[in-house]
Amino acid sequence: QVQLVESGGGLVQPGGSLRLSCVASGMIFRFTHMGWYRQAPGKQRELVGTITGGGILRYADSVKGRFSISRDNAKNTVYLQMNSLQPEDTAVYYCYANTGPYWGKGTLVTVSS
C-alpha cells in the first residue's frame, strides 16, 4: 500500500523559509517521479515542481529561484525547500507520486506577519 506523509508545514513570516518533507512507502522510490503541488484557499491545485528518479527538476514559474526540490533515495524522502516566502505562497502543500498517481494528505503553510 502506497503512503505519502508530508511534514514541516507551519506559520512563517514573509521572507522566511520552511522545508517540507514527504516520506514515501509501498513503492520503489528511487525510480518514482515525485512532485509537490499546492492548493490555496478558493483556488485550484497547482504544480509547484517535480523531480524525476534521475533527479531532473521542473518548477512552476511562480516559485523559480525561491523553492528547490531534492530527494534522498536512501530515506525514501523528497524535500521542498521554500525560501523568500510570501503571503501568496499560503496553501496546503501536497506530495505527489506519479505511479498511481498517489497523493499525500497535505501540510498547511501559512505566510503571515
N, C-alpha and C. Protein backbone atom coordinates (compact mmCIF):
# COMPACT_ATOMS: atom_id res chain seq x y z
N GLN A 1 0.84 -1.19 0.00
CA GLN A 1 0.00 0.00 0.00
C GLN A 1 0.88 1.25 0.00
N VAL A 2 0.67 2.10 -0.99
CA VAL A 2 1.46 3.31 -1.10
C VAL A 2 0.99 4.34 -0.09
N GLN A 3 1.93 4.94 0.60
CA GLN A 3 1.62 6.05 1.51
C GLN A 3 2.62 7.17 1.29
N LEU A 4 2.11 8.38 1.32
CA LEU A 4 2.93 9.59 1.26
C LEU A 4 2.57 10.44 2.47
N VAL A 5 3.55 10.77 3.29
CA VAL A 5 3.28 11.52 4.52
C VAL A 5 4.14 12.78 4.52
N GLU A 6 3.44 13.91 4.45
CA GLU A 6 4.13 15.20 4.45
C GLU A 6 4.30 15.72 5.88
N SER A 7 5.32 16.54 6.06
CA SER A 7 5.53 17.22 7.34
C SER A 7 6.32 18.49 7.08
N GLY A 8 6.34 19.36 8.08
CA GLY A 8 7.16 20.56 8.00
C GLY A 8 6.41 21.86 7.78
N GLY A 9 5.10 21.77 7.60
CA GLY A 9 4.34 23.00 7.41
C GLY A 9 4.22 23.79 8.70
N GLY A 10 3.69 25.00 8.57
CA GLY A 10 3.50 25.84 9.74
C GLY A 10 3.33 27.28 9.37
N LEU A 11 3.44 28.14 10.37
CA LEU A 11 3.30 29.58 10.19
C LEU A 11 4.70 30.20 10.08
N VAL A 12 4.88 31.03 9.08
CA VAL A 12 6.16 31.70 8.88
C VAL A 12 5.91 33.13 8.43
N GLN A 13 6.80 34.03 8.81
CA GLN A 13 6.66 35.42 8.40
C GLN A 13 7.11 35.61 6.96
N PRO A 14 6.59 36.63 6.29
CA PRO A 14 7.07 36.92 4.92
C PRO A 14 8.58 37.07 4.90
N GLY A 15 9.19 36.49 3.87
CA GLY A 15 10.63 36.48 3.76
C GLY A 15 11.30 35.30 4.42
N GLY A 16 10.55 34.53 5.17
CA GLY A 16 11.10 33.39 5.89
C GLY A 16 11.22 32.15 5.03
N SER A 17 11.66 31.07 5.68
CA SER A 17 11.90 29.81 4.99
C SER A 17 11.25 28.65 5.74
N LEU A 18 10.93 27.63 4.98
CA LEU A 18 10.45 26.36 5.54
C LEU A 18 10.96 25.24 4.67
N ARG A 19 11.13 24.07 5.26
CA ARG A 19 11.43 22.88 4.48
C ARG A 19 10.38 21.83 4.75
N LEU A 20 9.74 21.40 3.69
CA LEU A 20 8.75 20.33 3.78
C LEU A 20 9.43 19.00 3.43
N SER A 21 8.94 17.95 4.06
CA SER A 21 9.42 16.61 3.79
C SER A 21 8.24 15.72 3.42
N CYS A 22 8.51 14.73 2.60
CA CYS A 22 7.49 13.75 2.25
C CYS A 22 8.16 12.37 2.27
N VAL A 23 7.71 11.54 3.18
CA VAL A 23 8.23 10.19 3.27
C VAL A 23 7.29 9.24 2.55
N ALA A 24 7.86 8.47 1.65
CA ALA A 24 7.07 7.55 0.83
C ALA A 24 7.31 6.11 1.27
N SER A 25 6.27 5.30 1.15
CA SER A 25 6.39 3.88 1.44
C SER A 25 5.50 3.12 0.48
N GLY A 26 5.81 1.83 0.30
CA GLY A 26 4.98 0.99 -0.56
C GLY A 26 5.28 1.12 -2.03
N MET A 27 6.44 1.68 -2.38
CA MET A 27 6.81 1.84 -3.78
C MET A 27 8.31 1.70 -3.92
N ILE A 28 8.75 1.53 -5.17
CA ILE A 28 10.20 1.55 -5.44
C ILE A 28 10.56 3.00 -5.65
N PHE A 29 10.91 3.66 -4.55
CA PHE A 29 11.01 5.11 -4.52
C PHE A 29 12.02 5.64 -5.53
N ARG A 30 13.17 4.99 -5.64
CA ARG A 30 14.26 5.59 -6.42
C ARG A 30 13.90 5.71 -7.90
N PHE A 31 12.92 4.97 -8.35
CA PHE A 31 12.51 5.06 -9.76
C PHE A 31 11.29 5.95 -9.96
N THR A 32 10.75 6.48 -8.87
CA THR A 32 9.46 7.15 -8.95
C THR A 32 9.62 8.65 -9.13
N HIS A 33 8.89 9.16 -10.10
CA HIS A 33 8.79 10.59 -10.36
C HIS A 33 7.92 11.21 -9.26
N MET A 34 8.50 12.14 -8.50
CA MET A 34 7.81 12.75 -7.36
C MET A 34 7.56 14.23 -7.63
N GLY A 35 6.60 14.78 -6.89
CA GLY A 35 6.35 16.20 -7.08
C GLY A 35 5.68 16.83 -5.87
N TRP A 36 5.60 18.14 -5.93
CA TRP A 36 4.87 18.93 -4.95
C TRP A 36 3.85 19.79 -5.67
N TYR A 37 2.64 19.80 -5.12
CA TYR A 37 1.57 20.66 -5.58
C TYR A 37 1.08 21.47 -4.39
N ARG A 38 0.32 22.51 -4.68
CA ARG A 38 -0.27 23.28 -3.60
C ARG A 38 -1.66 23.76 -3.99
N GLN A 39 -2.46 23.99 -2.97
CA GLN A 39 -3.81 24.49 -3.19
C GLN A 39 -4.09 25.59 -2.18
N ALA A 40 -4.23 26.79 -2.70
CA ALA A 40 -4.56 27.94 -1.86
C ALA A 40 -6.08 28.01 -1.65
N PRO A 41 -6.51 28.67 -0.60
CA PRO A 41 -7.96 28.77 -0.34
C PRO A 41 -8.70 29.34 -1.54
N GLY A 42 -9.74 28.64 -1.98
CA GLY A 42 -10.55 29.11 -3.08
C GLY A 42 -9.95 28.96 -4.46
N LYS A 43 -8.80 28.28 -4.54
CA LYS A 43 -8.13 28.12 -5.83
C LYS A 43 -7.94 26.65 -6.16
N GLN A 44 -7.63 26.40 -7.43
CA GLN A 44 -7.36 25.03 -7.85
C GLN A 44 -5.96 24.60 -7.42
N ARG A 45 -5.80 23.29 -7.31
CA ARG A 45 -4.48 22.76 -7.01
C ARG A 45 -3.55 23.05 -8.18
N GLU A 46 -2.31 23.47 -7.86
CA GLU A 46 -1.37 23.82 -8.91
C GLU A 46 -0.02 23.18 -8.65
N LEU A 47 0.71 22.98 -9.74
CA LEU A 47 2.03 22.40 -9.65
C LEU A 47 3.01 23.38 -9.00
N VAL A 48 3.82 22.85 -8.09
CA VAL A 48 4.95 23.61 -7.56
C VAL A 48 6.22 23.18 -8.29
N GLY A 49 6.45 21.88 -8.33
CA GLY A 49 7.62 21.36 -9.02
C GLY A 49 7.68 19.86 -8.94
N THR A 50 8.54 19.28 -9.77
CA THR A 50 8.69 17.84 -9.80
C THR A 50 10.16 17.45 -9.89
N ILE A 51 10.42 16.21 -9.51
CA ILE A 51 11.77 15.66 -9.63
C ILE A 51 11.65 14.22 -10.10
N THR A 52 12.39 13.87 -11.14
CA THR A 52 12.35 12.51 -11.64
C THR A 52 13.22 11.60 -10.78
N GLY A 53 13.13 10.30 -11.05
CA GLY A 53 14.00 9.38 -10.33
C GLY A 53 15.48 9.68 -10.56
N GLY A 54 15.77 10.24 -11.72
CA GLY A 54 17.15 10.59 -12.06
C GLY A 54 17.56 11.98 -11.60
N GLY A 55 16.64 12.69 -10.96
CA GLY A 55 16.98 13.99 -10.40
C GLY A 55 16.73 15.18 -11.30
N ILE A 56 16.03 14.98 -12.41
CA ILE A 56 15.70 16.11 -13.28
C ILE A 56 14.57 16.92 -12.63
N LEU A 57 14.77 18.22 -12.60
CA LEU A 57 13.86 19.10 -11.87
C LEU A 57 13.04 19.96 -12.82
N ARG A 58 11.85 20.29 -12.36
CA ARG A 58 10.99 21.24 -13.08
C ARG A 58 10.23 22.04 -12.04
N TYR A 59 10.10 23.35 -12.27
CA TYR A 59 9.43 24.23 -11.32
C TYR A 59 8.40 25.10 -12.02
N ALA A 60 7.37 25.46 -11.27
CA ALA A 60 6.45 26.48 -11.73
C ALA A 60 7.16 27.83 -11.75
N ASP A 61 6.79 28.68 -12.69
CA ASP A 61 7.43 29.99 -12.80
C ASP A 61 7.30 30.80 -11.51
N SER A 62 6.21 30.61 -10.81
CA SER A 62 5.94 31.40 -9.61
C SER A 62 6.91 31.10 -8.46
N VAL A 63 7.61 29.97 -8.52
CA VAL A 63 8.49 29.60 -7.41
C VAL A 63 9.96 29.49 -7.84
N LYS A 64 10.23 29.64 -9.13
CA LYS A 64 11.61 29.52 -9.61
C LYS A 64 12.52 30.52 -8.89
N GLY A 65 13.68 30.02 -8.46
CA GLY A 65 14.64 30.87 -7.76
C GLY A 65 14.38 30.99 -6.27
N ARG A 66 13.22 30.54 -5.81
CA ARG A 66 12.89 30.61 -4.38
C ARG A 66 12.73 29.22 -3.76
N PHE A 67 12.18 28.31 -4.50
CA PHE A 67 11.92 26.95 -4.00
C PHE A 67 12.88 25.97 -4.67
N SER A 68 13.23 24.93 -3.94
CA SER A 68 14.03 23.87 -4.55
C SER A 68 13.58 22.51 -4.03
N ILE A 69 13.58 21.55 -4.92
CA ILE A 69 13.17 20.17 -4.61
C ILE A 69 14.41 19.29 -4.63
N SER A 70 14.46 18.38 -3.70
CA SER A 70 15.54 17.39 -3.67
C SER A 70 14.97 16.08 -3.17
N ARG A 71 15.75 15.03 -3.31
CA ARG A 71 15.30 13.73 -2.84
C ARG A 71 16.47 12.97 -2.23
N ASP A 72 16.14 12.12 -1.27
CA ASP A 72 17.11 11.23 -0.65
C ASP A 72 16.55 9.82 -0.82
N ASN A 73 17.07 9.12 -1.80
CA ASN A 73 16.51 7.80 -2.10
C ASN A 73 16.77 6.79 -0.98
N ALA A 74 17.83 7.01 -0.20
CA ALA A 74 18.11 6.11 0.92
C ALA A 74 17.06 6.25 2.02
N LYS A 75 16.42 7.41 2.08
CA LYS A 75 15.40 7.66 3.10
C LYS A 75 13.98 7.67 2.54
N ASN A 76 13.84 7.36 1.26
CA ASN A 76 12.53 7.40 0.61
C ASN A 76 11.83 8.73 0.85
N THR A 77 12.59 9.81 0.75
CA THR A 77 12.07 11.13 1.12
C THR A 77 12.34 12.14 0.02
N VAL A 78 11.35 12.97 -0.22
CA VAL A 78 11.51 14.11 -1.12
C VAL A 78 11.28 15.37 -0.29
N TYR A 79 12.04 16.39 -0.60
CA TYR A 79 12.02 17.64 0.16
C TYR A 79 11.59 18.81 -0.72
N LEU A 80 11.01 19.80 -0.08
CA LEU A 80 10.72 21.08 -0.73
C LEU A 80 11.26 22.18 0.17
N GLN A 81 12.36 22.78 -0.27
CA GLN A 81 12.93 23.91 0.45
C GLN A 81 12.32 25.18 -0.09
N MET A 82 11.70 25.95 0.78
CA MET A 82 11.00 27.16 0.37
C MET A 82 11.64 28.37 1.05
N ASN A 83 12.17 29.27 0.24
CA ASN A 83 12.81 30.48 0.73
C ASN A 83 12.04 31.71 0.24
N SER A 84 12.30 32.82 0.88
CA SER A 84 11.67 34.09 0.49
C SER A 84 10.16 33.93 0.36
N LEU A 85 9.58 33.31 1.34
CA LEU A 85 8.14 33.03 1.30
C LEU A 85 7.33 34.32 1.36
N GLN A 86 6.24 34.31 0.62
CA GLN A 86 5.35 35.46 0.53
C GLN A 86 3.93 35.03 0.90
N PRO A 87 3.07 35.96 1.27
CA PRO A 87 1.70 35.59 1.64
C PRO A 87 0.98 34.78 0.56
N GLU A 88 1.30 35.04 -0.70
CA GLU A 88 0.64 34.29 -1.79
C GLU A 88 1.11 32.84 -1.87
N ASP A 89 2.11 32.47 -1.10
CA ASP A 89 2.53 31.08 -1.02
C ASP A 89 1.70 30.29 -0.01
N THR A 90 0.84 30.97 0.71
CA THR A 90 -0.02 30.29 1.67
C THR A 90 -0.90 29.28 0.97
N ALA A 91 -0.84 28.03 1.41
CA ALA A 91 -1.57 26.95 0.75
C ALA A 91 -1.36 25.66 1.53
N VAL A 92 -2.16 24.68 1.18
CA VAL A 92 -1.87 23.31 1.60
C VAL A 92 -0.96 22.71 0.53
N TYR A 93 0.15 22.16 0.97
CA TYR A 93 1.14 21.59 0.05
C TYR A 93 1.02 20.07 0.08
N TYR A 94 0.94 19.51 -1.11
CA TYR A 94 0.73 18.08 -1.27
C TYR A 94 1.92 17.43 -1.96
N CYS A 95 2.28 16.28 -1.46
CA CYS A 95 3.29 15.44 -2.10
C CYS A 95 2.58 14.53 -3.10
N TYR A 96 3.27 14.24 -4.19
CA TYR A 96 2.68 13.50 -5.30
C TYR A 96 3.68 12.48 -5.83
N ALA A 97 3.17 11.29 -6.13
CA ALA A 97 3.97 10.26 -6.80
C ALA A 97 3.23 9.83 -8.05
N ASN A 98 3.94 9.80 -9.19
CA ASN A 98 3.23 9.58 -10.44
C ASN A 98 2.90 8.11 -10.71
N THR A 99 3.32 7.19 -9.87
CA THR A 99 2.91 5.80 -10.01
C THR A 99 1.55 5.65 -9.33
N GLY A 100 0.51 5.76 -10.07
CA GLY A 100 -0.84 5.69 -9.48
C GLY A 100 -1.80 6.62 -10.22
N PRO A 101 -1.80 7.93 -10.04
CA PRO A 101 -0.91 8.65 -9.11
C PRO A 101 -1.36 8.57 -7.66
N TYR A 102 -0.50 8.96 -6.78
CA TYR A 102 -0.79 8.96 -5.35
C TYR A 102 -0.52 10.34 -4.77
N TRP A 103 -1.31 10.66 -3.75
CA TRP A 103 -1.19 11.95 -3.09
C TRP A 103 -1.08 11.77 -1.58
N GLY A 104 -0.32 12.66 -0.94
CA GLY A 104 -0.35 12.74 0.50
C GLY A 104 -1.58 13.53 0.95
N LYS A 105 -1.73 13.64 2.27
CA LYS A 105 -2.89 14.36 2.82
C LYS A 105 -2.64 15.86 2.89
N GLY A 106 -1.41 16.27 2.72
CA GLY A 106 -1.10 17.69 2.68
C GLY A 106 -0.62 18.24 4.00
N THR A 107 0.13 19.34 3.90
CA THR A 107 0.58 20.06 5.09
C THR A 107 0.38 21.56 4.82
N LEU A 108 -0.15 22.25 5.80
CA LEU A 108 -0.52 23.65 5.63
C LEU A 108 0.67 24.57 5.87
N VAL A 109 0.88 25.46 4.92
CA VAL A 109 1.89 26.51 5.05
C VAL A 109 1.16 27.85 5.05
N THR A 110 1.37 28.61 6.11
CA THR A 110 0.76 29.93 6.22
C THR A 110 1.86 30.97 6.33
N VAL A 111 1.83 31.93 5.41
CA VAL A 111 2.82 33.00 5.42
C VAL A 111 2.11 34.29 5.80
N SER A 112 2.43 34.77 6.99
CA SER A 112 1.73 35.94 7.51
C SER A 112 2.56 36.60 8.60
N SER A 113 2.41 37.91 8.68
CA SER A 113 3.08 38.66 9.75
C SER A 113 2.16 38.81 10.95
